[in-house]
Amino acid sequence: MPPLVIDALNLLTSYFLPVEETADDADAWTLLRVMEGRVGGFLHACENSKIDPHFVIDAGFSSVEAEAKWTARREDEVRDNARRVPHSAQTLFGDVLTAAGAKVYMVDRVDGGSFDT
């Protein structure tokens, strides 16, 4: 099967944890069930398509400038009480992927989009 390298965090809130589609009062357990269901469906589709997915979960930044921008956005979200994605969602996401049998690479200071298996 050909490998498919996926910058996992780019898909976290647009597919695997769709916070915009979830009720505002959804608890963490509901979000976890949604994520588990979507991960399972994605892996099943990859298997049916004969694709071997490799998920890269990165730190989200690879430079001092990018880290400063990321920190400023998180501070604004906390200040405005606007963060709908649970803190440490990337760790939870990695655990869900691993539990489902996916190949997961946790990397630091490397952008997931540039990772090579």
PDB file of N, CA and C in Angstrom:
ATOM      1  N   MET A   1       0.843  -1.188   0.000  1.00  0.00           N
ATOM      2  CA  MET A   1       0.000   0.000   0.000  1.00  0.00           C
ATOM      3  C   MET A   1       0.882   1.243   0.000  1.00  0.00           C
ATOM      4  N   PRO A   2       0.533   2.225  -0.799  1.00  0.00           N
ATOM      5  CA  PRO A   2       1.325   3.457  -0.787  1.00  0.00           C
ATOM      6  C   PRO A   2       1.064   4.252   0.499  1.00  0.00           C
ATOM      7  N   PRO A   3       2.121   4.848   1.070  1.00  0.00           N
ATOM      8  CA  PRO A   3       1.921   5.645   2.283  1.00  0.00           C
ATOM      9  C   PRO A   3       1.321   7.013   1.944  1.00  0.00           C
ATOM     10  N   LEU A   4       0.544   7.518   2.862  1.00  0.00           N
ATOM     11  CA  LEU A   4      -0.008   8.867   2.771  1.00  0.00           C
ATOM     12  C   LEU A   4       0.366   9.570   4.064  1.00  0.00           C
ATOM     13  N   VAL A   5       1.236  10.588   3.984  1.00  0.00           N
ATOM     14  CA  VAL A   5       1.653  11.335   5.165  1.00  0.00           C
ATOM     15  C   VAL A   5       0.658  12.458   5.375  1.00  0.00           C
ATOM     16  N   ILE A   6       0.096  12.519   6.580  1.00  0.00           N
ATOM     17  CA  ILE A   6      -0.962  13.480   6.888  1.00  0.00           C
ATOM     18  C   ILE A   6      -0.511  14.400   8.014  1.00  0.00           C
ATOM     19  N   ASP A   7      -0.506  15.707   7.750  1.00  0.00           N
ATOM     20  CA  ASP A   7      -0.256  16.698   8.800  1.00  0.00           C
ATOM     21  C   ASP A   7      -1.547  16.752   9.615  1.00  0.00           C
ATOM     22  N   ALA A   8      -1.622  15.927  10.637  1.00  0.00           N
ATOM     23  CA  ALA A   8      -2.877  15.640  11.341  1.00  0.00           C
ATOM     24  C   ALA A   8      -3.566  16.869  11.920  1.00  0.00           C
ATOM     25  N   LEU A   9      -2.807  17.805  12.476  1.00  0.00           N
ATOM     26  CA  LEU A   9      -3.448  18.948  13.123  1.00  0.00           C
ATOM     27  C   LEU A   9      -4.146  19.861  12.126  1.00  0.00           C
ATOM     28  N   ASN A  10      -3.748  19.792  10.846  1.00  0.00           N
ATOM     29  CA  ASN A  10      -4.457  20.581   9.834  1.00  0.00           C
ATOM     30  C   ASN A  10      -5.884  20.086   9.639  1.00  0.00           C
ATOM     31  N   LEU A  11      -6.145  18.834  10.000  1.00  0.00           N
ATOM     32  CA  LEU A  11      -7.478  18.265   9.842  1.00  0.00           C
ATOM     33  C   LEU A  11      -8.243  18.141  11.157  1.00  0.00           C
ATOM     34  N   LEU A  12      -7.601  18.492  12.260  1.00  0.00           N
ATOM     35  CA  LEU A  12      -8.215  18.260  13.568  1.00  0.00           C
ATOM     36  C   LEU A  12      -9.588  18.912  13.674  1.00  0.00           C
ATOM     37  N   THR A  13      -9.672  20.224  13.500  1.00  0.00           N
ATOM     38  CA  THR A  13     -10.964  20.894  13.706  1.00  0.00           C
ATOM     39  C   THR A  13     -11.811  20.967  12.441  1.00  0.00           C
ATOM     40  N   SER A  14     -11.241  20.648  11.293  1.00  0.00           N
ATOM     41  CA  SER A  14     -12.069  20.672  10.083  1.00  0.00           C
ATOM     42  C   SER A  14     -12.724  19.322   9.809  1.00  0.00           C
ATOM     43  N   TYR A  15     -12.171  18.246  10.386  1.00  0.00           N
ATOM     44  CA  TYR A  15     -12.772  16.938  10.138  1.00  0.00           C
ATOM     45  C   TYR A  15     -12.865  16.073  11.399  1.00  0.00           C
ATOM     46  N   PHE A  16     -11.759  15.825  12.058  1.00  0.00           N
ATOM     47  CA  PHE A  16     -11.752  14.862  13.163  1.00  0.00           C
ATOM     48  C   PHE A  16     -12.419  15.380  14.435  1.00  0.00           C
ATOM     49  N   LEU A  17     -12.391  16.674  14.667  1.00  0.00           N
ATOM     50  CA  LEU A  17     -13.045  17.266  15.831  1.00  0.00           C
ATOM     51  C   LEU A  17     -13.743  18.546  15.367  1.00  0.00           C
ATOM     52  N   PRO A  18     -14.866  18.402  14.674  1.00  0.00           N
ATOM     53  CA  PRO A  18     -15.522  19.542  14.022  1.00  0.00           C
ATOM     54  C   PRO A  18     -16.279  20.421  15.020  1.00  0.00           C
ATOM     55  N   VAL A  19     -15.551  21.254  15.734  1.00  0.00           N
ATOM     56  CA  VAL A  19     -16.170  22.040  16.804  1.00  0.00           C
ATOM     57  C   VAL A  19     -17.248  22.986  16.294  1.00  0.00           C
ATOM     58  N   GLU A  20     -17.149  23.427  15.057  1.00  0.00           N
ATOM     59  CA  GLU A  20     -18.171  24.334  14.522  1.00  0.00           C
ATOM     60  C   GLU A  20     -19.497  23.605  14.296  1.00  0.00           C
ATOM     61  N   GLU A  21     -19.439  22.287  14.097  1.00  0.00           N
ATOM     62  CA  GLU A  21     -20.643  21.489  13.865  1.00  0.00           C
ATOM     63  C   GLU A  21     -21.219  20.910  15.159  1.00  0.00           C
ATOM     64  N   THR A  22     -20.500  21.072  16.257  1.00  0.00           N
ATOM     65  CA  THR A  22     -20.891  20.468  17.518  1.00  0.00           C
ATOM     66  C   THR A  22     -21.603  21.499  18.381  1.00  0.00           C
ATOM     67  N   ALA A  23     -22.584  21.064  19.125  1.00  0.00           N
ATOM     68  CA  ALA A  23     -23.328  21.975  20.003  1.00  0.00           C
ATOM     69  C   ALA A  23     -22.379  22.669  20.980  1.00  0.00           C
ATOM     70  N   ASP A  24     -22.687  23.927  21.286  1.00  0.00           N
ATOM     71  CA  ASP A  24     -21.848  24.709  22.194  1.00  0.00           C
ATOM     72  C   ASP A  24     -21.720  24.064  23.567  1.00  0.00           C
ATOM     73  N   ASP A  25     -22.713  23.312  23.979  1.00  0.00           N
ATOM     74  CA  ASP A  25     -22.679  22.721  25.313  1.00  0.00           C
ATOM     75  C   ASP A  25     -22.198  21.266  25.311  1.00  0.00           C
ATOM     76  N   ALA A  26     -21.594  20.829  24.182  1.00  0.00           N
ATOM     77  CA  ALA A  26     -21.102  19.452  24.103  1.00  0.00           C
ATOM     78  C   ALA A  26     -19.965  19.259  25.099  1.00  0.00           C
ATOM     79  N   ASP A  27     -20.048  18.171  25.842  1.00  0.00           N
ATOM     80  CA  ASP A  27     -18.998  17.911  26.819  1.00  0.00           C
ATOM     81  C   ASP A  27     -17.828  17.189  26.165  1.00  0.00           C
ATOM     82  N   ALA A  28     -16.748  17.045  26.912  1.00  0.00           N
ATOM     83  CA  ALA A  28     -15.531  16.426  26.385  1.00  0.00           C
ATOM     84  C   ALA A  28     -15.768  14.984  25.936  1.00  0.00           C
ATOM     85  N   TRP A  29     -16.645  14.266  26.621  1.00  0.00           N
ATOM     86  CA  TRP A  29     -16.908  12.866  26.262  1.00  0.00           C
ATOM     87  C   TRP A  29     -17.622  12.772  24.918  1.00  0.00           C
ATOM     88  N   THR A  30     -18.512  13.707  24.647  1.00  0.00           N
ATOM     89  CA  THR A  30     -19.185  13.741  23.343  1.00  0.00           C
ATOM     90  C   THR A  30     -18.178  14.042  22.248  1.00  0.00           C
ATOM     91  N   LEU A  31     -17.306  15.025  22.491  1.00  0.00           N
ATOM     92  CA  LEU A  31     -16.279  15.364  21.506  1.00  0.00           C
ATOM     93  C   LEU A  31     -15.351  14.173  21.256  1.00  0.00           C
ATOM     94  N   LEU A  32     -15.027  13.435  22.312  1.00  0.00           N
ATOM     95  CA  LEU A  32     -14.176  12.254  22.171  1.00  0.00           C
ATOM     96  C   LEU A  32     -14.858  11.197  21.305  1.00  0.00           C
ATOM     97  N   ARG A  33     -16.141  10.952  21.536  1.00  0.00           N
ATOM     98  CA  ARG A  33     -16.875   9.965  20.728  1.00  0.00           C
ATOM     99  C   ARG A  33     -16.940  10.386  19.263  1.00  0.00           C
ATOM    100  N   VAL A  34     -17.143  11.683  19.018  1.00  0.00           N
ATOM    101  CA  VAL A  34     -17.161  12.186  17.636  1.00  0.00           C
ATOM    102  C   VAL A  34     -15.805  11.932  16.984  1.00  0.00           C
ATOM    103  N   MET A  35     -14.728  12.274  17.711  1.00  0.00           N
ATOM    104  CA  MET A  35     -13.382  12.085  17.171  1.00  0.00           C
ATOM    105  C   MET A  35     -13.102  10.605  16.900  1.00  0.00           C
ATOM    106  N   GLU A  36     -13.452   9.736  17.826  1.00  0.00           N
ATOM    107  CA  GLU A  36     -13.220   8.300  17.640  1.00  0.00           C
ATOM    108  C   GLU A  36     -13.977   7.776  16.419  1.00  0.00           C
ATOM    109  N   GLY A  37     -15.214   8.208  16.251  1.00  0.00           N
ATOM    110  CA  GLY A  37     -16.003   7.768  15.101  1.00  0.00           C
ATOM    111  C   GLY A  37     -15.414   8.231  13.785  1.00  0.00           C
ATOM    112  N   ARG A  38     -14.959   9.463  13.765  1.00  0.00           N
ATOM    113  CA  ARG A  38     -14.390   9.991  12.524  1.00  0.00           C
ATOM    114  C   ARG A  38     -13.037   9.369  12.207  1.00  0.00           C
ATOM    115  N   VAL A  39     -12.230   9.126  13.231  1.00  0.00           N
ATOM    116  CA  VAL A  39     -10.948   8.453  13.016  1.00  0.00           C
ATOM    117  C   VAL A  39     -11.203   7.057  12.463  1.00  0.00           C
ATOM    118  N   GLY A  40     -12.125   6.314  13.068  1.00  0.00           N
ATOM    119  CA  GLY A  40     -12.446   4.975  12.587  1.00  0.00           C
ATOM    120  C   GLY A  40     -12.923   4.983  11.146  1.00  0.00           C
ATOM    121  N   GLY A  41     -13.792   5.912  10.812  1.00  0.00           N
ATOM    122  CA  GLY A  41     -14.290   6.017   9.440  1.00  0.00           C
ATOM    123  C   GLY A  41     -13.189   6.354   8.448  1.00  0.00           C
ATOM    124  N   PHE A  42     -12.300   7.264   8.848  1.00  0.00           N
ATOM    125  CA  PHE A  42     -11.189   7.654   7.978  1.00  0.00           C
ATOM    126  C   PHE A  42     -10.252   6.476   7.732  1.00  0.00           C
ATOM    127  N   LEU A  43      -9.903   5.762   8.808  1.00  0.00           N
ATOM    128  CA  LEU A  43      -9.006   4.617   8.661  1.00  0.00           C
ATOM    129  C   LEU A  43      -9.646   3.508   7.828  1.00  0.00           C
ATOM    130  N   HIS A  44     -10.935   3.309   7.990  1.00  0.00           N
ATOM    131  CA  HIS A  44     -11.650   2.317   7.189  1.00  0.00           C
ATOM    132  C   HIS A  44     -11.617   2.702   5.703  1.00  0.00           C
ATOM    133  N   ALA A  45     -11.833   3.991   5.416  1.00  0.00           N
ATOM    134  CA  ALA A  45     -11.791   4.456   4.022  1.00  0.00           C
ATOM    135  C   ALA A  45     -10.393   4.285   3.431  1.00  0.00           C
ATOM    136  N   CYS A  46      -9.358   4.555   4.242  1.00  0.00           N
ATOM    137  CA  CYS A  46      -7.986   4.357   3.766  1.00  0.00           C
ATOM    138  C   CYS A  46      -7.729   2.886   3.450  1.00  0.00           C
ATOM    139  N   GLU A  47      -8.190   2.015   4.332  1.00  0.00           N
ATOM    140  CA  GLU A  47      -8.007   0.583   4.117  1.00  0.00           C
ATOM    141  C   GLU A  47      -8.702   0.133   2.832  1.00  0.00           C
ATOM    142  N   ASN A  48      -9.928   0.593   2.627  1.00  0.00           N
ATOM    143  CA  ASN A  48     -10.674   0.233   1.411  1.00  0.00           C
ATOM    144  C   ASN A  48     -10.021   0.788   0.150  1.00  0.00           C
ATOM    145  N   SER A  49      -9.313   1.910   0.307  1.00  0.00           N
ATOM    146  CA  SER A  49      -8.647   2.548  -0.840  1.00  0.00           C
ATOM    147  C   SER A  49      -7.214   2.070  -1.007  1.00  0.00           C
ATOM    148  N   LYS A  50      -6.803   1.135  -0.149  1.00  0.00           N
ATOM    149  CA  LYS A  50      -5.440   0.595  -0.199  1.00  0.00           C
ATOM    150  C   LYS A  50      -4.393   1.689   0.015  1.00  0.00           C
ATOM    151  N   ILE A  51      -4.658   2.562   1.000  1.00  0.00           N
ATOM    152  CA  ILE A  51      -3.739   3.649   1.374  1.00  0.00           C
ATOM    153  C   ILE A  51      -3.280   3.401   2.802  1.00  0.00           C
ATOM    154  N   ASP A  52      -2.000   3.611   3.043  1.00  0.00           N
ATOM    155  CA  ASP A  52      -1.399   3.418   4.367  1.00  0.00           C
ATOM    156  C   ASP A  52      -1.152   4.792   4.999  1.00  0.00           C
ATOM    157  N   PRO A  53      -2.071   5.283   5.859  1.00  0.00           N
ATOM    158  CA  PRO A  53      -1.903   6.628   6.407  1.00  0.00           C
ATOM    159  C   PRO A  53      -0.867   6.683   7.526  1.00  0.00           C
ATOM    160  N   HIS A  54      -0.050   7.720   7.493  1.00  0.00           N
ATOM    161  CA  HIS A  54       0.932   8.020   8.535  1.00  0.00           C
ATOM    162  C   HIS A  54       0.602   9.427   9.039  1.00  0.00           C
ATOM    163  N   PHE A  55       0.189   9.527  10.285  1.00  0.00           N
ATOM    164  CA  PHE A  55      -0.224  10.808  10.852  1.00  0.00           C
ATOM    165  C   PHE A  55       0.937  11.468  11.588  1.00  0.00           C
ATOM    166  N   VAL A  56       1.209  12.722  11.256  1.00  0.00           N
ATOM    167  CA  VAL A  56       2.242  13.487  11.933  1.00  0.00           C
ATOM    168  C   VAL A  56       1.552  14.537  12.790  1.00  0.00           C
ATOM    169  N   ILE A  57       1.865  14.516  14.079  1.00  0.00           N
ATOM    170  CA  ILE A  57       1.342  15.536  15.000  1.00  0.00           C
ATOM    171  C   ILE A  57       2.544  16.339  15.452  1.00  0.00           C
ATOM    172  N   ASP A  58       2.564  17.595  15.022  1.00  0.00           N
ATOM    173  CA  ASP A  58       3.719  18.441  15.300  1.00  0.00           C
ATOM    174  C   ASP A  58       3.404  19.454  16.400  1.00  0.00           C
ATOM    175  N   ALA A  59       4.392  20.246  16.718  1.00  0.00           N
ATOM    176  CA  ALA A  59       4.235  21.268  17.748  1.00  0.00           C
ATOM    177  C   ALA A  59       3.426  22.451  17.228  1.00  0.00           C
ATOM    178  N   GLY A  60       3.149  22.479  15.931  1.00  0.00           N
ATOM    179  CA  GLY A  60       2.356  23.560  15.371  1.00  0.00           C
ATOM    180  C   GLY A  60       3.161  24.765  14.950  1.00  0.00           C
ATOM    181  N   PHE A  61       4.447  24.753  15.217  1.00  0.00           N
ATOM    182  CA  PHE A  61       5.291  25.869  14.823  1.00  0.00           C
ATOM    183  C   PHE A  61       6.728  25.394  14.675  1.00  0.00           C
ATOM    184  N   SER A  62       7.495  26.084  13.849  1.00  0.00           N
ATOM    185  CA  SER A  62       8.880  25.667  13.662  1.00  0.00           C
ATOM    186  C   SER A  62       9.853  26.833  13.693  1.00  0.00           C
ATOM    187  N   SER A  63       9.382  28.012  14.067  1.00  0.00           N
ATOM    188  CA  SER A  63      10.268  29.160  14.168  1.00  0.00           C
ATOM    189  C   SER A  63       9.839  30.013  15.357  1.00  0.00           C
ATOM    190  N   VAL A  64      10.719  30.892  15.776  1.00  0.00           N
ATOM    191  CA  VAL A  64      10.409  31.790  16.885  1.00  0.00           C
ATOM    192  C   VAL A  64       9.222  32.681  16.520  1.00  0.00           C
ATOM    193  N   GLU A  65       9.196  33.173  15.285  1.00  0.00           N
ATOM    194  CA  GLU A  65       8.089  34.020  14.828  1.00  0.00           C
ATOM    195  C   GLU A  65       6.762  33.265  14.839  1.00  0.00           C
ATOM    196  N   ALA A  66       6.766  32.036  14.318  1.00  0.00           N
ATOM    197  CA  ALA A  66       5.541  31.237  14.303  1.00  0.00           C
ATOM    198  C   ALA A  66       5.083  30.916  15.721  1.00  0.00           C
ATOM    199  N   GLU A  67       6.021  30.631  16.615  1.00  0.00           N
ATOM    200  CA  GLU A  67       5.677  30.345  18.007  1.00  0.00           C
ATOM    201  C   GLU A  67       5.047  31.571  18.674  1.00  0.00           C
ATOM    202  N   ALA A  68       5.572  32.753  18.387  1.00  0.00           N
ATOM    203  CA  ALA A  68       5.016  33.985  18.955  1.00  0.00           C
ATOM    204  C   ALA A  68       3.587  34.219  18.451  1.00  0.00           C
ATOM    205  N   LYS A  69       3.349  33.985  17.167  1.00  0.00           N
ATOM    206  CA  LYS A  69       1.996  34.150  16.612  1.00  0.00           C
ATOM    207  C   LYS A  69       1.036  33.141  17.238  1.00  0.00           C
ATOM    208  N   TRP A  70       1.486  31.894  17.364  1.00  0.00           N
ATOM    209  CA  TRP A  70       0.649  30.853  17.958  1.00  0.00           C
ATOM    210  C   TRP A  70       0.290  31.223  19.390  1.00  0.00           C
ATOM    211  N   THR A  71       1.268  31.671  20.162  1.00  0.00           N
ATOM    212  CA  THR A  71       1.038  32.048  21.559  1.00  0.00           C
ATOM    213  C   THR A  71       0.062  33.219  21.645  1.00  0.00           C
ATOM    214  N   ALA A  72       0.210  34.210  20.793  1.00  0.00           N
ATOM    215  CA  ALA A  72      -0.692  35.367  20.807  1.00  0.00           C
ATOM    216  C   ALA A  72      -2.128  34.947  20.497  1.00  0.00           C
ATOM    217  N   ARG A  73      -2.309  34.047  19.539  1.00  0.00           N
ATOM    218  CA  ARG A  73      -3.666  33.572  19.211  1.00  0.00           C
ATOM    219  C   ARG A  73      -4.282  32.828  20.392  1.00  0.00           C
ATOM    220  N   ARG A  74      -3.497  31.967  21.037  1.00  0.00           N
ATOM    221  CA  ARG A  74      -4.030  31.233  22.194  1.00  0.00           C
ATOM    222  C   ARG A  74      -4.377  32.188  23.331  1.00  0.00           C
ATOM    223  N   GLU A  75      -3.548  33.194  23.567  1.00  0.00           N
ATOM    224  CA  GLU A  75      -3.842  34.170  24.619  1.00  0.00           C
ATOM    225  C   GLU A  75      -5.138  34.917  24.313  1.00  0.00           C
ATOM    226  N   ASP A  76      -5.334  35.301  23.049  1.00  0.00           N
ATOM    227  CA  ASP A  76      -6.575  35.982  22.654  1.00  0.00           C
ATOM    228  C   ASP A  76      -7.786  35.074  22.867  1.00  0.00           C
ATOM    229  N   GLU A  77      -7.666  33.800  22.506  1.00  0.00           N
ATOM    230  CA  GLU A  77      -8.774  32.864  22.703  1.00  0.00           C
ATOM    231  C   GLU A  77      -9.139  32.730  24.170  1.00  0.00           C
ATOM    232  N   VAL A  78      -8.135  32.615  25.016  1.00  0.00           N
ATOM    233  CA  VAL A  78      -8.392  32.488  26.455  1.00  0.00           C
ATOM    234  C   VAL A  78      -9.011  33.771  26.997  1.00  0.00           C
ATOM    235  N   ARG A  79      -8.463  34.900  26.614  1.00  0.00           N
ATOM    236  CA  ARG A  79      -8.967  36.187  27.087  1.00  0.00           C
ATOM    237  C   ARG A  79     -10.428  36.395  26.659  1.00  0.00           C
ATOM    238  N   ASP A  80     -10.749  36.019  25.428  1.00  0.00           N
ATOM    239  CA  ASP A  80     -12.103  36.205  24.903  1.00  0.00           C
ATOM    240  C   ASP A  80     -13.020  35.023  25.201  1.00  0.00           C
ATOM    241  N   ASN A  81     -12.511  34.026  25.916  1.00  0.00           N
ATOM    242  CA  ASN A  81     -13.255  32.803  26.212  1.00  0.00           C
ATOM    243  C   ASN A  81     -13.828  32.207  24.928  1.00  0.00           C
ATOM    244  N   ALA A  82     -12.974  32.139  23.902  1.00  0.00           N
ATOM    245  CA  ALA A  82     -13.425  31.722  22.579  1.00  0.00           C
ATOM    246  C   ALA A  82     -12.843  30.393  22.125  1.00  0.00           C
ATOM    247  N   ARG A  83     -12.057  29.736  22.941  1.00  0.00           N
ATOM    248  CA  ARG A  83     -11.430  28.481  22.507  1.00  0.00           C
ATOM    249  C   ARG A  83     -12.404  27.335  22.691  1.00  0.00           C
ATOM    250  N   ARG A  84     -12.819  26.730  21.578  1.00  0.00           N
ATOM    251  CA  ARG A  84     -13.740  25.604  21.642  1.00  0.00           C
ATOM    252  C   ARG A  84     -13.005  24.280  21.552  1.00  0.00           C
ATOM    253  N   VAL A  85     -11.769  24.307  21.086  1.00  0.00           N
ATOM    254  CA  VAL A  85     -10.980  23.080  21.010  1.00  0.00           C
ATOM    255  C   VAL A  85     -10.360  22.849  22.384  1.00  0.00           C
ATOM    256  N   PRO A  86     -10.556  21.678  22.958  1.00  0.00           N
ATOM    257  CA  PRO A  86      -9.990  21.417  24.285  1.00  0.00           C
ATOM    258  C   PRO A  86      -8.470  21.566  24.290  1.00  0.00           C
ATOM    259  N   HIS A  87      -7.937  22.110  25.381  1.00  0.00           N
ATOM    260  CA  HIS A  87      -6.485  22.191  25.511  1.00  0.00           C
ATOM    261  C   HIS A  87      -5.914  20.780  25.457  1.00  0.00           C
ATOM    262  N   SER A  88      -4.770  20.647  24.877  1.00  0.00           N
ATOM    263  CA  SER A  88      -4.085  19.363  24.691  1.00  0.00           C
ATOM    264  C   SER A  88      -4.856  18.430  23.760  1.00  0.00           C
ATOM    265  N   ALA A  89      -5.671  19.001  22.873  1.00  0.00           N
ATOM    266  CA  ALA A  89      -6.421  18.174  21.920  1.00  0.00           C
ATOM    267  C   ALA A  89      -5.487  17.360  21.042  1.00  0.00           C
ATOM    268  N   GLN A  90      -4.294  17.884  20.756  1.00  0.00           N
ATOM    269  CA  GLN A  90      -3.366  17.140  19.908  1.00  0.00           C
ATOM    270  C   GLN A  90      -2.917  15.848  20.589  1.00  0.00           C
ATOM    271  N   THR A  91      -2.760  15.858  21.915  1.00  0.00           N
ATOM    272  CA  THR A  91      -2.379  14.644  22.639  1.00  0.00           C
ATOM    273  C   THR A  91      -3.522  13.638  22.616  1.00  0.00           C
ATOM    274  N   LEU A  92      -4.736  14.120  22.874  1.00  0.00           N
ATOM    275  CA  LEU A  92      -5.914  13.260  22.823  1.00  0.00           C
ATOM    276  C   LEU A  92      -6.083  12.673  21.426  1.00  0.00           C
ATOM    277  N   PHE A  93      -5.904  13.500  20.407  1.00  0.00           N
ATOM    278  CA  PHE A  93      -6.013  13.059  19.024  1.00  0.00           C
ATOM    279  C   PHE A  93      -4.987  11.954  18.738  1.00  0.00           C
ATOM    280  N   GLY A  94      -3.755  12.151  19.177  1.00  0.00           N
ATOM    281  CA  GLY A  94      -2.722  11.138  18.999  1.00  0.00           C
ATOM    282  C   GLY A  94      -3.083   9.835  19.681  1.00  0.00           C
ATOM    283  N   ASP A  95      -3.655   9.933  20.891  1.00  0.00           N
ATOM    284  CA  ASP A  95      -4.071   8.726  21.616  1.00  0.00           C
ATOM    285  C   ASP A  95      -5.195   7.995  20.890  1.00  0.00           C
ATOM    286  N   VAL A  96      -6.160   8.743  20.353  1.00  0.00           N
ATOM    287  CA  VAL A  96      -7.274   8.125  19.619  1.00  0.00           C
ATOM    288  C   VAL A  96      -6.759   7.437  18.359  1.00  0.00           C
ATOM    289  N   LEU A  97      -5.873   8.114  17.635  1.00  0.00           N
ATOM    290  CA  LEU A  97      -5.298   7.509  16.427  1.00  0.00           C
ATOM    291  C   LEU A  97      -4.523   6.233  16.760  1.00  0.00           C
ATOM    292  N   THR A  98      -3.694   6.304  17.795  1.00  0.00           N
ATOM    293  CA  THR A  98      -2.893   5.145  18.195  1.00  0.00           C
ATOM    294  C   THR A  98      -3.787   3.986  18.621  1.00  0.00           C
ATOM    295  N   ALA A  99      -4.818   4.277  19.408  1.00  0.00           N
ATOM    296  CA  ALA A  99      -5.742   3.235  19.864  1.00  0.00           C
ATOM    297  C   ALA A  99      -6.463   2.585  18.688  1.00  0.00           C
ATOM    298  N   ALA A 100      -6.664   3.333  17.611  1.00  0.00           N
ATOM    299  CA  ALA A 100      -7.338   2.799  16.429  1.00  0.00           C
ATOM    300  C   ALA A 100      -6.368   2.044  15.513  1.00  0.00           C
ATOM    301  N   GLY A 101      -5.093   2.006  15.894  1.00  0.00           N
ATOM    302  CA  GLY A 101      -4.121   1.264  15.111  1.00  0.00           C
ATOM    303  C   GLY A 101      -3.382   2.068  14.060  1.00  0.00           C
ATOM    304  N   ALA A 102      -3.526   3.382  14.069  1.00  0.00           N
ATOM    305  CA  ALA A 102      -2.866   4.222  13.072  1.00  0.00           C
ATOM    306  C   ALA A 102      -1.389   4.419  13.419  1.00  0.00           C
ATOM    307  N   LYS A 103      -0.600   4.701  12.404  1.00  0.00           N
ATOM    308  CA  LYS A 103       0.811   5.045  12.598  1.00  0.00           C
ATOM    309  C   LYS A 103       0.861   6.543  12.912  1.00  0.00           C
ATOM    310  N   VAL A 104       1.404   6.873  14.078  1.00  0.00           N
ATOM    311  CA  VAL A 104       1.422   8.260  14.539  1.00  0.00           C
ATOM    312  C   VAL A 104       2.849   8.650  14.890  1.00  0.00           C
ATOM    313  N   TYR A 105       3.254   9.824  14.417  1.00  0.00           N
ATOM    314  CA  TYR A 105       4.573  10.370  14.715  1.00  0.00           C
ATOM    315  C   TYR A 105       4.378  11.701  15.425  1.00  0.00           C
ATOM    316  N   MET A 106       4.870  11.787  16.651  1.00  0.00           N
ATOM    317  CA  MET A 106       4.816  13.034  17.409  1.00  0.00           C
ATOM    318  C   MET A 106       6.178  13.690  17.239  1.00  0.00           C
ATOM    319  N   VAL A 107       6.213  14.849  16.613  1.00  0.00           N
ATOM    320  CA  VAL A 107       7.483  15.526  16.348  1.00  0.00           C
ATOM    321  C   VAL A 107       7.481  16.906  16.979  1.00  0.00           C
ATOM    322  N   ASP A 108       8.658  17.395  17.287  1.00  0.00           N
ATOM    323  CA  ASP A 108       8.815  18.704  17.897  1.00  0.00           C
ATOM    324  C   ASP A 108       9.707  19.559  16.996  1.00  0.00           C
ATOM    325  N   ARG A 109       9.302  20.788  16.807  1.00  0.00           N
ATOM    326  CA  ARG A 109      10.074  21.763  16.035  1.00  0.00           C
ATOM    327  C   ARG A 109      10.229  21.403  14.561  1.00  0.00           C
ATOM    328  N   VAL A 110       9.321  20.553  14.065  1.00  0.00           N
ATOM    329  CA  VAL A 110       9.295  20.218  12.645  1.00  0.00           C
ATOM    330  C   VAL A 110       7.853  20.344  12.195  1.00  0.00           C
ATOM    331  N   ASP A 111       7.622  21.008  11.071  1.00  0.00           N
ATOM    332  CA  ASP A 111       6.264  21.136  10.563  1.00  0.00           C
ATOM    333  C   ASP A 111       5.818  19.808   9.993  1.00  0.00           C
ATOM    334  N   GLY A 112       4.620  19.372  10.385  1.00  0.00           N
ATOM    335  CA  GLY A 112       4.105  18.089   9.926  1.00  0.00           C
ATOM    336  C   GLY A 112       3.969  17.988   8.426  1.00  0.00           C
ATOM    337  N   GLY A 113       3.773  19.104   7.752  1.00  0.00           N
ATOM    338  CA  GLY A 113       3.639  19.094   6.298  1.00  0.00           C
ATOM    339  C   GLY A 113       4.935  18.781   5.581  1.00  0.00           C
ATOM    340  N   SER A 114       6.060  18.876   6.285  1.00  0.00           N
ATOM    341  CA  SER A 114       7.348  18.611   5.644  1.00  0.00           C
ATOM    342  C   SER A 114       7.966  17.306   6.106  1.00  0.00           C
ATOM    343  N   PHE A 115       7.198  16.501   6.838  1.00  0.00           N
ATOM    344  CA  PHE A 115       7.706  15.247   7.388  1.00  0.00           C
ATOM    345  C   PHE A 115       7.768  14.190   6.297  1.00  0.00           C
ATOM    346  N   ASP A 116       8.807  13.379   6.321  1.00  0.00           N
ATOM    347  CA  ASP A 116       8.975  12.320   5.334  1.00  0.00           C
ATOM    348  C   ASP A 116       9.148  10.999   6.071  1.00  0.00           C
ATOM    349  N   THR A 117       8.328  10.017   5.724  1.00  0.00           N
ATOM    350  CA  THR A 117       8.463   8.707   6.352  1.00  0.00           C
ATOM    351  C   THR A 117       9.647   8.032   5.755  1.00  0.00           C
TER     352      THR A 117
END
